[in-house]
C-alpha atoms as a PDB file:
ATOM      1  CA  UNK A   1      33.866  16.295  -9.446  1.00  0.00           C
ATOM      2  CA  UNK A   2      32.617  12.827 -10.204  1.00  0.00           C
ATOM      3  CA  UNK A   3      28.964  11.673  -8.835  1.00  0.00           C
ATOM      4  CA  UNK A   4      27.547   8.196  -9.051  1.00  0.00           C
ATOM      5  CA  UNK A   5      24.676   7.642 -11.104  1.00  0.00           C
ATOM      6  CA  UNK A   6      22.066   4.995 -11.219  1.00  0.00           C
ATOM      7  CA  UNK A   7      22.001   2.500 -13.803  1.00  0.00           C
ATOM      8  CA  UNK A   8      19.737   3.195 -16.755  1.00  0.00           C
ATOM      9  CA  UNK A   9      16.345   1.374 -16.618  1.00  0.00           C
ATOM     10  CA  UNK A  10      16.183   1.634 -13.062  1.00  0.00           C
ATOM     11  CA  UNK A  11      13.472   3.483 -10.983  1.00  0.00           C
ATOM     12  CA  UNK A  12      16.215   6.100  -9.710  1.00  0.00           C
ATOM     13  CA  UNK A  13      17.463   6.850 -13.257  1.00  0.00           C
ATOM     14  CA  UNK A  14      14.050   7.461 -14.366  1.00  0.00           C
ATOM     15  CA  UNK A  15      13.844  10.769 -12.173  1.00  0.00           C
ATOM     16  CA  UNK A  16      17.106  11.963 -13.386  1.00  0.00           C
ATOM     17  CA  UNK A  17      16.499  15.107 -15.375  1.00  0.00           C
ATOM     18  CA  UNK A  18      18.264  18.153 -16.668  1.00  0.00           C
ATOM     19  CA  UNK A  19      17.346  19.777 -13.266  1.00  0.00           C
ATOM     20  CA  UNK A  20      19.144  17.180 -11.424  1.00  0.00           C
ATOM     21  CA  UNK A  21      22.251  17.678 -13.439  1.00  0.00           C
ATOM     22  CA  UNK A  22      22.139  21.267 -12.948  1.00  0.00           C
ATOM     23  CA  UNK A  23      21.710  21.241  -9.137  1.00  0.00           C
ATOM     24  CA  UNK A  24      24.679  18.836  -8.970  1.00  0.00           C
ATOM     25  CA  UNK A  25      26.855  21.590 -10.601  1.00  0.00           C
ATOM     26  CA  UNK A  26      25.462  24.283  -7.864  1.00  0.00           C
ATOM     27  CA  UNK A  27      25.312  22.036  -4.447  1.00  0.00           C
ATOM     28  CA  UNK A  28      25.720  25.582  -2.596  1.00  0.00           C
ATOM     29  CA  UNK A  29      22.108  26.218  -3.698  1.00  0.00           C
ATOM     30  CA  UNK A  30      20.184  22.984  -2.766  1.00  0.00           C
ATOM     31  CA  UNK A  31      18.017  23.133   0.199  1.00  0.00           C
ATOM     32  CA  UNK A  32      18.607  21.294   3.343  1.00  0.00           C
ATOM     33  CA  UNK A  33      16.517  17.928   3.682  1.00  0.00           C
ATOM     34  CA  UNK A  34      14.292  19.613   6.455  1.00  0.00           C
ATOM     35  CA  UNK A  35      13.850  22.625   4.086  1.00  0.00           C
ATOM     36  CA  UNK A  36      13.310  20.435   1.220  1.00  0.00           C
ATOM     37  CA  UNK A  37      10.281  18.503   3.462  1.00  0.00           C
ATOM     38  CA  UNK A  38       8.842  21.639   4.295  1.00  0.00           C
ATOM     39  CA  UNK A  39       8.696  22.934   0.469  1.00  0.00           C
ATOM     40  CA  UNK A  40       7.009  19.560  -0.569  1.00  0.00           C
ATOM     41  CA  UNK A  41       4.637  19.743   1.920  1.00  0.00           C
ATOM     42  CA  UNK A  42       3.597  23.283   1.134  1.00  0.00           C
ATOM     43  CA  UNK A  43       3.590  22.138  -2.509  1.00  0.00           C
ATOM     44  CA  UNK A  44       1.122  19.389  -2.161  1.00  0.00           C
ATOM     45  CA  UNK A  45      -1.029  21.535   0.254  1.00  0.00           C
ATOM     46  CA  UNK A  46      -1.339  24.333  -2.504  1.00  0.00           C
ATOM     47  CA  UNK A  47      -1.012  22.350  -5.632  1.00  0.00           C
ATOM     48  CA  UNK A  48      -4.344  21.557  -7.308  1.00  0.00           C
ATOM     49  CA  UNK A  49      -3.037  18.836  -9.369  1.00  0.00           C
ATOM     50  CA  UNK A  50      -3.549  16.314  -6.304  1.00  0.00           C
ATOM     51  CA  UNK A  51      -0.005  15.583  -5.864  1.00  0.00           C
ATOM     52  CA  UNK A  52       0.870  13.057  -3.171  1.00  0.00           C
ATOM     53  CA  UNK A  53       4.379  13.675  -3.146  1.00  0.00           C
ATOM     54  CA  UNK A  54       7.570  15.733  -4.893  1.00  0.00           C
ATOM     55  CA  UNK A  55      10.654  14.381  -5.992  1.00  0.00           C
ATOM     56  CA  UNK A  56      13.561  16.973  -5.355  1.00  0.00           C
ATOM     57  CA  UNK A  57      17.160  17.479  -4.768  1.00  0.00           C
ATOM     58  CA  UNK A  58      18.369  17.998  -1.314  1.00  0.00           C
ATOM     59  CA  UNK A  59      21.686  18.600   0.738  1.00  0.00           C
ATOM     60  CA  UNK A  60      21.918  16.017   3.507  1.00  0.00           C
ATOM     61  CA  UNK A  61      23.424  16.341   6.935  1.00  0.00           C
ATOM     62  CA  UNK A  62      26.677  14.238   5.900  1.00  0.00           C
ATOM     63  CA  UNK A  63      27.023  16.904   2.990  1.00  0.00           C
ATOM     64  CA  UNK A  64      25.849  14.526   0.436  1.00  0.00           C
ATOM     65  CA  UNK A  65      23.658  15.328  -2.465  1.00  0.00           C
ATOM     66  CA  UNK A  66      20.378  13.063  -2.848  1.00  0.00           C
ATOM     67  CA  UNK A  67      17.553  12.716  -4.940  1.00  0.00           C
ATOM     68  CA  UNK A  68      14.782  12.507  -2.514  1.00  0.00           C
ATOM     69  CA  UNK A  69      11.081  11.904  -2.487  1.00  0.00           C
ATOM     70  CA  UNK A  70       9.218  13.624  -0.102  1.00  0.00           C
ATOM     71  CA  UNK A  71       5.114  12.492   0.738  1.00  0.00           C
ATOM     72  CA  UNK A  72       2.503  15.298   1.403  1.00  0.00           C
ATOM     73  CA  UNK A  73       2.503  14.206   5.177  1.00  0.00           C
ATOM     74  CA  UNK A  74       6.213  14.785   5.583  1.00  0.00           C
ATOM     75  CA  UNK A  75       7.278  11.253   4.550  1.00  0.00           C
ATOM     76  CA  UNK A  76      10.826  10.959   3.204  1.00  0.00           C
ATOM     77  CA  UNK A  77      12.779   8.465   1.228  1.00  0.00           C
ATOM     78  CA  UNK A  78      16.450   8.747  -0.399  1.00  0.00           C
ATOM     79  CA  UNK A  79      15.901   7.744  -3.917  1.00  0.00           C
ATOM     80  CA  UNK A  80      19.598   8.057  -4.967  1.00  0.00           C
ATOM     81  CA  UNK A  81      22.627   9.464  -3.088  1.00  0.00           C
ATOM     82  CA  UNK A  82      25.219  11.073  -5.323  1.00  0.00           C
ATOM     83  CA  UNK A  83      27.964  11.350  -2.923  1.00  0.00           C
ATOM     84  CA  UNK A  84      29.537  14.238  -1.248  1.00  0.00           C
ATOM     85  CA  UNK A  85      29.478  17.517  -2.126  1.00  0.00           C
ATOM     86  CA  UNK A  86      32.924  19.401  -2.705  1.00  0.00           C
END
């Protein structure tokens, strides 16, 4: 399966980690966007680090895999869309 990746040196490429690559191998284990937003909100509320948001992988409604940023109040921004899951 071929996914599209951001160009090196871009803001999106800075957030591609080995965990991201592992998520692409197992898309059936990814949370939906709604579940990921709830997880991020819960993380920000319980984190003692003062985190204001969380970058995470999510499965979108159109079956595409995306790296997303979720803010502490539930805001959502798609950082990079890798394409459809198989």
